[in-house]
Amino acid sequence: MPKGYVILTEAINDPGGMAAYGRAAGLSLAESGGSVLALDANPQLLEGSWHGDQTVVLEFESVEAARAWYESAAYEKAKPLRQAAAETNAVIVSGFVMPAVSE
């Protein structure tokens, strides 16, 4: 089963509010078994346009585990802190497993 990833792009309006969100979300993430793969306040744009000034990539054992975290009671308490402090785009994507190459 492929892993699940949550990708958030955030335009932060209230750094203090985002710090409070980070503490609350971090607890919910630890409880869910998820991990932070990347957090970049200065992503390097290669093509097109990008939303926000911070990008976060979270990893979970599966898409279902990512969805369970996002809908968990613990994260439901943290989410309003982020929504008040930043304009965010968020997606869940499925990991990719490279098929075996036959020679």
PDB file of N, CA and C in Angstrom:
ATOM      1  N   MET A   1       0.845  -1.178   0.000  1.00  0.00           N
ATOM      2  CA  MET A   1       0.000   0.000   0.000  1.00  0.00           C
ATOM      3  C   MET A   1       0.889   1.238   0.000  1.00  0.00           C
ATOM      4  N   PRO A   2       0.646   2.185  -0.905  1.00  0.00           N
ATOM      5  CA  PRO A   2       1.471   3.394  -0.946  1.00  0.00           C
ATOM      6  C   PRO A   2       1.211   4.286   0.266  1.00  0.00           C
ATOM      7  N   LYS A   3       2.216   5.051   0.607  1.00  0.00           N
ATOM      8  CA  LYS A   3       2.090   6.013   1.696  1.00  0.00           C
ATOM      9  C   LYS A   3       1.153   7.136   1.281  1.00  0.00           C
ATOM     10  N   GLY A   4       0.701   7.907   2.261  1.00  0.00           N
ATOM     11  CA  GLY A   4      -0.131   9.070   2.016  1.00  0.00           C
ATOM     12  C   GLY A   4       0.625  10.319   2.445  1.00  0.00           C
ATOM     13  N   TYR A   5       0.435  11.393   1.704  1.00  0.00           N
ATOM     14  CA  TYR A   5       1.127  12.645   1.994  1.00  0.00           C
ATOM     15  C   TYR A   5       0.112  13.778   2.044  1.00  0.00           C
ATOM     16  N   VAL A   6       0.294  14.664   3.007  1.00  0.00           N
ATOM     17  CA  VAL A   6      -0.483  15.895   3.074  1.00  0.00           C
ATOM     18  C   VAL A   6       0.488  17.010   2.732  1.00  0.00           C
ATOM     19  N   ILE A   7       0.106  17.844   1.760  1.00  0.00           N
ATOM     20  CA  ILE A   7       0.924  18.981   1.359  1.00  0.00           C
ATOM     21  C   ILE A   7       0.113  20.233   1.622  1.00  0.00           C
ATOM     22  N   LEU A   8       0.711  21.157   2.374  1.00  0.00           N
ATOM     23  CA  LEU A   8       0.048  22.417   2.694  1.00  0.00           C
ATOM     24  C   LEU A   8       0.915  23.565   2.192  1.00  0.00           C
ATOM     25  N   THR A   9       0.302  24.529   1.523  1.00  0.00           N
ATOM     26  CA  THR A   9       0.978  25.774   1.197  1.00  0.00           C
ATOM     27  C   THR A   9       0.276  26.850   2.006  1.00  0.00           C
ATOM     28  N   GLU A  10       1.061  27.662   2.702  1.00  0.00           N
ATOM     29  CA  GLU A  10       0.495  28.592   3.668  1.00  0.00           C
ATOM     30  C   GLU A  10       1.003  30.013   3.433  1.00  0.00           C
ATOM     31  N   ALA A  11       0.063  30.947   3.343  1.00  0.00           N
ATOM     32  CA  ALA A  11       0.382  32.374   3.337  1.00  0.00           C
ATOM     33  C   ALA A  11       0.103  32.855   4.755  1.00  0.00           C
ATOM     34  N   ILE A  12       1.152  33.023   5.526  1.00  0.00           N
ATOM     35  CA  ILE A  12       1.024  33.299   6.955  1.00  0.00           C
ATOM     36  C   ILE A  12       0.759  34.786   7.203  1.00  0.00           C
ATOM     37  N   ASN A  13      -0.329  35.044   7.940  1.00  0.00           N
ATOM     38  CA  ASN A  13      -0.704  36.406   8.316  1.00  0.00           C
ATOM     39  C   ASN A  13      -0.383  36.703   9.776  1.00  0.00           C
ATOM     40  N   ASP A  14      -0.274  35.660  10.604  1.00  0.00           N
ATOM     41  CA  ASP A  14      -0.075  35.814  12.043  1.00  0.00           C
ATOM     42  C   ASP A  14       0.940  34.772  12.520  1.00  0.00           C
ATOM     43  N   PRO A  15       2.233  35.141  12.562  1.00  0.00           N
ATOM     44  CA  PRO A  15       3.260  34.173  12.967  1.00  0.00           C
ATOM     45  C   PRO A  15       3.027  33.596  14.371  1.00  0.00           C
ATOM     46  N   GLY A  16       2.566  34.396  15.303  1.00  0.00           N
ATOM     47  CA  GLY A  16       2.288  33.892  16.646  1.00  0.00           C
ATOM     48  C   GLY A  16       1.174  32.862  16.638  1.00  0.00           C
ATOM     49  N   GLY A  17       0.144  33.123  15.859  1.00  0.00           N
ATOM     50  CA  GLY A  17      -0.948  32.171  15.721  1.00  0.00           C
ATOM     51  C   GLY A  17      -0.490  30.875  15.079  1.00  0.00           C
ATOM     52  N   MET A  18       0.419  30.985  14.113  1.00  0.00           N
ATOM     53  CA  MET A  18       0.950  29.776  13.470  1.00  0.00           C
ATOM     54  C   MET A  18       1.819  28.984  14.435  1.00  0.00           C
ATOM     55  N   ALA A  19       2.517  29.667  15.332  1.00  0.00           N
ATOM     56  CA  ALA A  19       3.309  28.956  16.341  1.00  0.00           C
ATOM     57  C   ALA A  19       2.388  28.159  17.264  1.00  0.00           C
ATOM     58  N   ALA A  20       1.268  28.748  17.666  1.00  0.00           N
ATOM     59  CA  ALA A  20       0.294  28.033  18.502  1.00  0.00           C
ATOM     60  C   ALA A  20      -0.278  26.844  17.736  1.00  0.00           C
ATOM     61  N   TYR A  21      -0.577  27.056  16.458  1.00  0.00           N
ATOM     62  CA  TYR A  21      -1.062  25.964  15.615  1.00  0.00           C
ATOM     63  C   TYR A  21      -0.026  24.843  15.537  1.00  0.00           C
ATOM     64  N   GLY A  22       1.236  25.202  15.333  1.00  0.00           N
ATOM     65  CA  GLY A  22       2.298  24.203  15.215  1.00  0.00           C
ATOM     66  C   GLY A  22       2.380  23.315  16.445  1.00  0.00           C
ATOM     67  N   ARG A  23       2.228  23.901  17.619  1.00  0.00           N
ATOM     68  CA  ARG A  23       2.257  23.098  18.843  1.00  0.00           C
ATOM     69  C   ARG A  23       1.067  22.147  18.888  1.00  0.00           C
ATOM     70  N   ALA A  24      -0.124  22.653  18.596  1.00  0.00           N
ATOM     71  CA  ALA A  24      -1.336  21.819  18.645  1.00  0.00           C
ATOM     72  C   ALA A  24      -1.319  20.753  17.547  1.00  0.00           C
ATOM     73  N   ALA A  25      -0.931  21.137  16.343  1.00  0.00           N
ATOM     74  CA  ALA A  25      -0.899  20.182  15.238  1.00  0.00           C
ATOM     75  C   ALA A  25       0.191  19.141  15.453  1.00  0.00           C
ATOM     76  N   GLY A  26       1.311  19.550  16.030  1.00  0.00           N
ATOM     77  CA  GLY A  26       2.402  18.611  16.284  1.00  0.00           C
ATOM     78  C   GLY A  26       1.975  17.480  17.205  1.00  0.00           C
ATOM     79  N   LEU A  27       1.192  17.806  18.227  1.00  0.00           N
ATOM     80  CA  LEU A  27       0.693  16.773  19.133  1.00  0.00           C
ATOM     81  C   LEU A  27      -0.216  15.804  18.391  1.00  0.00           C
ATOM     82  N   SER A  28      -1.116  16.340  17.563  1.00  0.00           N
ATOM     83  CA  SER A  28      -2.032  15.467  16.824  1.00  0.00           C
ATOM     84  C   SER A  28      -1.272  14.608  15.815  1.00  0.00           C
ATOM     85  N   LEU A  29      -0.244  15.168  15.215  1.00  0.00           N
ATOM     86  CA  LEU A  29       0.565  14.436  14.241  1.00  0.00           C
ATOM     87  C   LEU A  29       1.300  13.276  14.922  1.00  0.00           C
ATOM     88  N   ALA A  30       1.880  13.536  16.072  1.00  0.00           N
ATOM     89  CA  ALA A  30       2.587  12.489  16.809  1.00  0.00           C
ATOM     90  C   ALA A  30       1.631  11.365  17.202  1.00  0.00           C
ATOM     91  N   GLU A  31       0.425  11.719  17.644  1.00  0.00           N
ATOM     92  CA  GLU A  31      -0.566  10.722  18.026  1.00  0.00           C
ATOM     93  C   GLU A  31      -0.988   9.853  16.850  1.00  0.00           C
ATOM     94  N   SER A  32      -0.941  10.410  15.634  1.00  0.00           N
ATOM     95  CA  SER A  32      -1.416   9.694  14.451  1.00  0.00           C
ATOM     96  C   SER A  32      -0.337   8.844  13.787  1.00  0.00           C
ATOM     97  N   GLY A  33       0.908   9.006  14.213  1.00  0.00           N
ATOM     98  CA  GLY A  33       1.997   8.271  13.577  1.00  0.00           C
ATOM     99  C   GLY A  33       2.539   8.949  12.337  1.00  0.00           C
ATOM    100  N   GLY A  34       2.084  10.168  12.055  1.00  0.00           N
ATOM    101  CA  GLY A  34       2.583  10.923  10.905  1.00  0.00           C
ATOM    102  C   GLY A  34       3.908  11.583  11.217  1.00  0.00           C
ATOM    103  N   SER A  35       4.566  12.069  10.177  1.00  0.00           N
ATOM    104  CA  SER A  35       5.835  12.779  10.370  1.00  0.00           C
ATOM    105  C   SER A  35       5.951  13.924   9.372  1.00  0.00           C
ATOM    106  N   VAL A  36       6.760  14.906   9.740  1.00  0.00           N
ATOM    107  CA  VAL A  36       7.028  16.045   8.864  1.00  0.00           C
ATOM    108  C   VAL A  36       8.228  15.691   7.995  1.00  0.00           C
ATOM    109  N   LEU A  37       8.015  15.657   6.682  1.00  0.00           N
ATOM    110  CA  LEU A  37       9.128  15.391   5.755  1.00  0.00           C
ATOM    111  C   LEU A  37       9.835  16.669   5.350  1.00  0.00           C
ATOM    112  N   ALA A  38       9.062  17.745   5.208  1.00  0.00           N
ATOM    113  CA  ALA A  38       9.650  19.016   4.782  1.00  0.00           C
ATOM    114  C   ALA A  38       8.830  20.169   5.341  1.00  0.00           C
ATOM    115  N   LEU A  39       9.535  21.231   5.722  1.00  0.00           N
ATOM    116  CA  LEU A  39       8.909  22.489   6.124  1.00  0.00           C
ATOM    117  C   LEU A  39       9.845  23.563   5.626  1.00  0.00           C
ATOM    118  N   ASP A  40       9.417  24.309   4.631  1.00  0.00           N
ATOM    119  CA  ASP A  40      10.295  25.277   3.995  1.00  0.00           C
ATOM    120  C   ASP A  40       9.616  26.629   3.910  1.00  0.00           C
ATOM    121  N   ALA A  41      10.243  27.629   4.526  1.00  0.00           N
ATOM    122  CA  ALA A  41       9.701  28.975   4.498  1.00  0.00           C
ATOM    123  C   ALA A  41      10.171  29.743   3.263  1.00  0.00           C
ATOM    124  N   ASN A  42      10.940  29.097   2.423  1.00  0.00           N
ATOM    125  CA  ASN A  42      11.423  29.768   1.219  1.00  0.00           C
ATOM    126  C   ASN A  42      11.566  28.750   0.090  1.00  0.00           C
ATOM    127  N   PRO A  43      10.438  28.149  -0.356  1.00  0.00           N
ATOM    128  CA  PRO A  43      10.557  27.151  -1.421  1.00  0.00           C
ATOM    129  C   PRO A  43      11.080  27.784  -2.717  1.00  0.00           C
ATOM    130  N   GLN A  44      11.872  27.040  -3.439  1.00  0.00           N
ATOM    131  CA  GLN A  44      12.439  27.535  -4.690  1.00  0.00           C
ATOM    132  C   GLN A  44      11.503  27.194  -5.840  1.00  0.00           C
ATOM    133  N   LEU A  45      10.865  28.200  -6.371  1.00  0.00           N
ATOM    134  CA  LEU A  45       9.920  28.023  -7.469  1.00  0.00           C
ATOM    135  C   LEU A  45      10.682  27.702  -8.755  1.00  0.00           C
ATOM    136  N   LEU A  46      10.296  26.630  -9.405  1.00  0.00           N
ATOM    137  CA  LEU A  46      10.929  26.225 -10.656  1.00  0.00           C
ATOM    138  C   LEU A  46      10.092  26.612 -11.864  1.00  0.00           C
ATOM    139  N   GLU A  47       8.761  26.492 -11.749  1.00  0.00           N
ATOM    140  CA  GLU A  47       7.869  26.823 -12.856  1.00  0.00           C
ATOM    141  C   GLU A  47       6.536  27.291 -12.291  1.00  0.00           C
ATOM    142  N   GLY A  48       5.801  28.053 -13.082  1.00  0.00           N
ATOM    143  CA  GLY A  48       4.448  28.449 -12.715  1.00  0.00           C
ATOM    144  C   GLY A  48       4.410  29.377 -11.522  1.00  0.00           C
ATOM    145  N   SER A  49       3.324  29.286 -10.767  1.00  0.00           N
ATOM    146  CA  SER A  49       3.173  30.116  -9.569  1.00  0.00           C
ATOM    147  C   SER A  49       2.929  29.202  -8.375  1.00  0.00           C
ATOM    148  N   TRP A  50       3.226  29.691  -7.198  1.00  0.00           N
ATOM    149  CA  TRP A  50       3.089  28.905  -5.979  1.00  0.00           C
ATOM    150  C   TRP A  50       2.397  29.758  -4.942  1.00  0.00           C
ATOM    151  N   HIS A  51       1.542  29.141  -4.164  1.00  0.00           N
ATOM    152  CA  HIS A  51       0.788  29.844  -3.138  1.00  0.00           C
ATOM    153  C   HIS A  51       1.577  29.889  -1.833  1.00  0.00           C
ATOM    154  N   GLY A  52       1.569  31.038  -1.207  1.00  0.00           N
ATOM    155  CA  GLY A  52       2.077  31.146   0.150  1.00  0.00           C
ATOM    156  C   GLY A  52       3.566  31.305   0.271  1.00  0.00           C
ATOM    157  N   ASP A  53       3.980  31.429   1.530  1.00  0.00           N
ATOM    158  CA  ASP A  53       5.392  31.609   1.821  1.00  0.00           C
ATOM    159  C   ASP A  53       5.958  30.475   2.674  1.00  0.00           C
ATOM    160  N   GLN A  54       5.149  29.445   2.902  1.00  0.00           N
ATOM    161  CA  GLN A  54       5.632  28.266   3.620  1.00  0.00           C
ATOM    162  C   GLN A  54       4.960  27.024   3.041  1.00  0.00           C
ATOM    163  N   THR A  55       5.744  25.988   2.840  1.00  0.00           N
ATOM    164  CA  THR A  55       5.225  24.717   2.336  1.00  0.00           C
ATOM    165  C   THR A  55       5.588  23.623   3.330  1.00  0.00           C
ATOM    166  N   VAL A  56       4.617  22.754   3.613  1.00  0.00           N
ATOM    167  CA  VAL A  56       4.810  21.663   4.572  1.00  0.00           C
ATOM    168  C   VAL A  56       4.394  20.363   3.883  1.00  0.00           C
ATOM    169  N   VAL A  57       5.214  19.319   4.045  1.00  0.00           N
ATOM    170  CA  VAL A  57       4.893  17.989   3.532  1.00  0.00           C
ATOM    171  C   VAL A  57       4.898  17.023   4.708  1.00  0.00           C
ATOM    172  N   LEU A  58       3.758  16.358   4.906  1.00  0.00           N
ATOM    173  CA  LEU A  58       3.598  15.378   5.979  1.00  0.00           C
ATOM    174  C   LEU A  58       3.478  13.992   5.373  1.00  0.00           C
ATOM    175  N   GLU A  59       4.010  12.980   6.054  1.00  0.00           N
ATOM    176  CA  GLU A  59       3.956  11.609   5.562  1.00  0.00           C
ATOM    177  C   GLU A  59       3.178  10.731   6.541  1.00  0.00           C
ATOM    178  N   PHE A  60       2.352   9.846   5.974  1.00  0.00           N
ATOM    179  CA  PHE A  60       1.562   8.887   6.741  1.00  0.00           C
ATOM    180  C   PHE A  60       1.705   7.516   6.108  1.00  0.00           C
ATOM    181  N   GLU A  61       1.337   6.494   6.832  1.00  0.00           N
ATOM    182  CA  GLU A  61       1.444   5.125   6.331  1.00  0.00           C
ATOM    183  C   GLU A  61       0.558   4.865   5.116  1.00  0.00           C
ATOM    184  N   SER A  62      -0.510   5.641   4.965  1.00  0.00           N
ATOM    185  CA  SER A  62      -1.424   5.459   3.833  1.00  0.00           C
ATOM    186  C   SER A  62      -2.260   6.724   3.666  1.00  0.00           C
ATOM    187  N   VAL A  63      -2.956   6.805   2.542  1.00  0.00           N
ATOM    188  CA  VAL A  63      -3.898   7.906   2.327  1.00  0.00           C
ATOM    189  C   VAL A  63      -4.982   7.875   3.407  1.00  0.00           C
ATOM    190  N   GLU A  64      -5.412   6.673   3.758  1.00  0.00           N
ATOM    191  CA  GLU A  64      -6.452   6.538   4.786  1.00  0.00           C
ATOM    192  C   GLU A  64      -5.959   7.070   6.133  1.00  0.00           C
ATOM    193  N   ALA A  65      -4.694   6.811   6.464  1.00  0.00           N
ATOM    194  CA  ALA A  65      -4.128   7.324   7.714  1.00  0.00           C
ATOM    195  C   ALA A  65      -4.017   8.848   7.675  1.00  0.00           C
ATOM    196  N   ALA A  66      -3.678   9.402   6.515  1.00  0.00           N
ATOM    197  CA  ALA A  66      -3.608  10.854   6.370  1.00  0.00           C
ATOM    198  C   ALA A  66      -4.990  11.467   6.570  1.00  0.00           C
ATOM    199  N   ARG A  67      -5.996  10.892   5.955  1.00  0.00           N
ATOM    200  CA  ARG A  67      -7.373  11.385   6.089  1.00  0.00           C
ATOM    201  C   ARG A  67      -7.834  11.253   7.543  1.00  0.00           C
ATOM    202  N   ALA A  68      -7.496  10.136   8.197  1.00  0.00           N
ATOM    203  CA  ALA A  68      -7.886   9.931   9.594  1.00  0.00           C
ATOM    204  C   ALA A  68      -7.268  11.006  10.488  1.00  0.00           C
ATOM    205  N   TRP A  69      -6.002  11.378  10.234  1.00  0.00           N
ATOM    206  CA  TRP A  69      -5.371  12.447  11.002  1.00  0.00           C
ATOM    207  C   TRP A  69      -6.107  13.767  10.768  1.00  0.00           C
ATOM    208  N   TYR A  70      -6.344  14.097   9.494  1.00  0.00           N
ATOM    209  CA  TYR A  70      -6.971  15.376   9.158  1.00  0.00           C
ATOM    210  C   TYR A  70      -8.358  15.498   9.787  1.00  0.00           C
ATOM    211  N   GLU A  71      -9.074  14.387   9.904  1.00  0.00           N
ATOM    212  CA  GLU A  71     -10.424  14.397  10.457  1.00  0.00           C
ATOM    213  C   GLU A  71     -10.467  14.033  11.947  1.00  0.00           C
ATOM    214  N   SER A  72      -9.301  13.840  12.569  1.00  0.00           N
ATOM    215  CA  SER A  72      -9.257  13.433  13.977  1.00  0.00           C
ATOM    216  C   SER A  72      -9.726  14.556  14.898  1.00  0.00           C
ATOM    217  N   ALA A  73     -10.208  14.175  16.067  1.00  0.00           N
ATOM    218  CA  ALA A  73     -10.650  15.151  17.068  1.00  0.00           C
ATOM    219  C   ALA A  73      -9.499  16.065  17.478  1.00  0.00           C
ATOM    220  N   ALA A  74      -8.298  15.508  17.615  1.00  0.00           N
ATOM    221  CA  ALA A  74      -7.143  16.309  18.021  1.00  0.00           C
ATOM    222  C   ALA A  74      -6.807  17.368  16.968  1.00  0.00           C
ATOM    223  N   TYR A  75      -6.825  16.981  15.682  1.00  0.00           N
ATOM    224  CA  TYR A  75      -6.505  17.964  14.648  1.00  0.00           C
ATOM    225  C   TYR A  75      -7.654  18.945  14.438  1.00  0.00           C
ATOM    226  N   GLU A  76      -8.877  18.517  14.661  1.00  0.00           N
ATOM    227  CA  GLU A  76     -10.022  19.428  14.554  1.00  0.00           C
ATOM    228  C   GLU A  76      -9.879  20.588  15.536  1.00  0.00           C
ATOM    229  N   LYS A  77      -9.201  20.371  16.666  1.00  0.00           N
ATOM    230  CA  LYS A  77      -8.948  21.447  17.625  1.00  0.00           C
ATOM    231  C   LYS A  77      -7.845  22.386  17.128  1.00  0.00           C
ATOM    232  N   ALA A  78      -6.868  21.845  16.413  1.00  0.00           N
ATOM    233  CA  ALA A  78      -5.743  22.645  15.916  1.00  0.00           C
ATOM    234  C   ALA A  78      -6.099  23.431  14.659  1.00  0.00           C
ATOM    235  N   LYS A  79      -6.917  22.859  13.815  1.00  0.00           N
ATOM    236  CA  LYS A  79      -7.216  23.439  12.499  1.00  0.00           C
ATOM    237  C   LYS A  79      -7.683  24.901  12.553  1.00  0.00           C
ATOM    238  N   PRO A  80      -8.597  25.280  13.464  1.00  0.00           N
ATOM    239  CA  PRO A  80      -9.032  26.679  13.496  1.00  0.00           C
ATOM    240  C   PRO A  80      -7.894  27.668  13.792  1.00  0.00           C
ATOM    241  N   LEU A  81      -6.879  27.222  14.522  1.00  0.00           N
ATOM    242  CA  LEU A  81      -5.728  28.092  14.788  1.00  0.00           C
ATOM    243  C   LEU A  81      -5.014  28.425  13.481  1.00  0.00           C
ATOM    244  N   ARG A  82      -4.825  27.408  12.624  1.00  0.00           N
ATOM    245  CA  ARG A  82      -4.191  27.640  11.323  1.00  0.00           C
ATOM    246  C   ARG A  82      -5.058  28.503  10.442  1.00  0.00           C
ATOM    247  N   GLN A  83      -6.344  28.198  10.420  1.00  0.00           N
ATOM    248  CA  GLN A  83      -7.262  28.941   9.559  1.00  0.00           C
ATOM    249  C   GLN A  83      -7.327  30.415   9.943  1.00  0.00           C
ATOM    250  N   ALA A  84      -7.139  30.724  11.222  1.00  0.00           N
ATOM    251  CA  ALA A  84      -7.137  32.117  11.667  1.00  0.00           C
ATOM    252  C   ALA A  84      -5.808  32.814  11.373  1.00  0.00           C
ATOM    253  N   ALA A  85      -4.726  32.046  11.271  1.00  0.00           N
ATOM    254  CA  ALA A  85      -3.400  32.625  11.141  1.00  0.00           C
ATOM    255  C   ALA A  85      -2.839  32.623   9.724  1.00  0.00           C
ATOM    256  N   ALA A  86      -3.453  31.855   8.817  1.00  0.00           N
ATOM    257  CA  ALA A  86      -2.882  31.740   7.469  1.00  0.00           C
ATOM    258  C   ALA A  86      -3.959  31.367   6.459  1.00  0.00           C
ATOM    259  N   GLU A  87      -3.709  31.750   5.223  1.00  0.00           N
ATOM    260  CA  GLU A  87      -4.520  31.274   4.098  1.00  0.00           C
ATOM    261  C   GLU A  87      -3.796  30.032   3.584  1.00  0.00           C
ATOM    262  N   THR A  88      -4.504  28.915   3.549  1.00  0.00           N
ATOM    263  CA  THR A  88      -3.851  27.640   3.271  1.00  0.00           C
ATOM    264  C   THR A  88      -4.532  26.888   2.144  1.00  0.00           C
ATOM    265  N   ASN A  89      -3.723  26.249   1.315  1.00  0.00           N
ATOM    266  CA  ASN A  89      -4.178  25.220   0.387  1.00  0.00           C
ATOM    267  C   ASN A  89      -3.657  23.906   0.949  1.00  0.00           C
ATOM    268  N   ALA A  90      -4.478  22.859   0.934  1.00  0.00           N
ATOM    269  CA  ALA A  90      -4.052  21.565   1.462  1.00  0.00           C
ATOM    270  C   ALA A  90      -4.592  20.454   0.573  1.00  0.00           C
ATOM    271  N   VAL A  91      -3.754  19.445   0.352  1.00  0.00           N
ATOM    272  CA  VAL A  91      -4.162  18.275  -0.427  1.00  0.00           C
ATOM    273  C   VAL A  91      -3.622  17.023   0.244  1.00  0.00           C
ATOM    274  N   ILE A  92      -4.283  15.905  -0.021  1.00  0.00           N
ATOM    275  CA  ILE A  92      -3.755  14.585   0.316  1.00  0.00           C
ATOM    276  C   ILE A  92      -3.436  13.912  -1.012  1.00  0.00           C
ATOM    277  N   VAL A  93      -2.227  13.368  -1.112  1.00  0.00           N
ATOM    278  CA  VAL A  93      -1.832  12.645  -2.322  1.00  0.00           C
ATOM    279  C   VAL A  93      -1.317  11.271  -1.944  1.00  0.00           C
ATOM    280  N   SER A  94      -1.444  10.356  -2.869  1.00  0.00           N
ATOM    281  CA  SER A  94      -0.983   8.987  -2.684  1.00  0.00           C
ATOM    282  C   SER A  94       0.451   8.872  -3.154  1.00  0.00           C
ATOM    283  N   GLY A  95       1.259   8.150  -2.391  1.00  0.00           N
ATOM    284  CA  GLY A  95       2.629   7.892  -2.806  1.00  0.00           C
ATOM    285  C   GLY A  95       2.654   7.041  -4.067  1.00  0.00           C
ATOM    286  N   PHE A  96       3.791   7.002  -4.695  1.00  0.00           N
ATOM    287  CA  PHE A  96       3.954   6.268  -5.942  1.00  0.00           C
ATOM    288  C   PHE A  96       4.958   5.156  -5.723  1.00  0.00           C
ATOM    289  N   VAL A  97       4.596   3.976  -6.150  1.00  0.00           N
ATOM    290  CA  VAL A  97       5.527   2.846  -6.090  1.00  0.00           C
ATOM    291  C   VAL A  97       5.928   2.531  -7.529  1.00  0.00           C
ATOM    292  N   MET A  98       7.199   2.671  -7.803  1.00  0.00           N
ATOM    293  CA  MET A  98       7.713   2.432  -9.158  1.00  0.00           C
ATOM    294  C   MET A  98       7.527   0.969  -9.518  1.00  0.00           C
ATOM    295  N   PRO A  99       6.870   0.710 -10.652  1.00  0.00           N
ATOM    296  CA  PRO A  99       6.713  -0.689 -11.061  1.00  0.00           C
ATOM    297  C   PRO A  99       8.076  -1.292 -11.421  1.00  0.00           C
ATOM    298  N   ALA A 100       8.181  -2.583 -11.223  1.00  0.00           N
ATOM    299  CA  ALA A 100       9.424  -3.267 -11.575  1.00  0.00           C
ATOM    300  C   ALA A 100       9.667  -3.155 -13.073  1.00  0.00           C
ATOM    301  N   VAL A 101      10.897  -2.948 -13.422  1.00  0.00           N
ATOM    302  CA  VAL A 101      11.284  -2.845 -14.826  1.00  0.00           C
ATOM    303  C   VAL A 101      11.781  -4.214 -15.275  1.00  0.00           C
ATOM    304  N   SER A 102      11.152  -4.742 -16.296  1.00  0.00           N
ATOM    305  CA  SER A 102      11.618  -6.040 -16.811  1.00  0.00           C
ATOM    306  C   SER A 102      12.630  -5.803 -17.921  1.00  0.00           C
ATOM    307  N   GLU A 103      13.621  -6.607 -17.932  1.00  0.00           N
ATOM    308  CA  GLU A 103      14.679  -6.441 -18.950  1.00  0.00           C
ATOM    309  C   GLU A 103      14.504  -7.421 -20.069  1.00  0.00           C
TER     310      GLU A 103
END
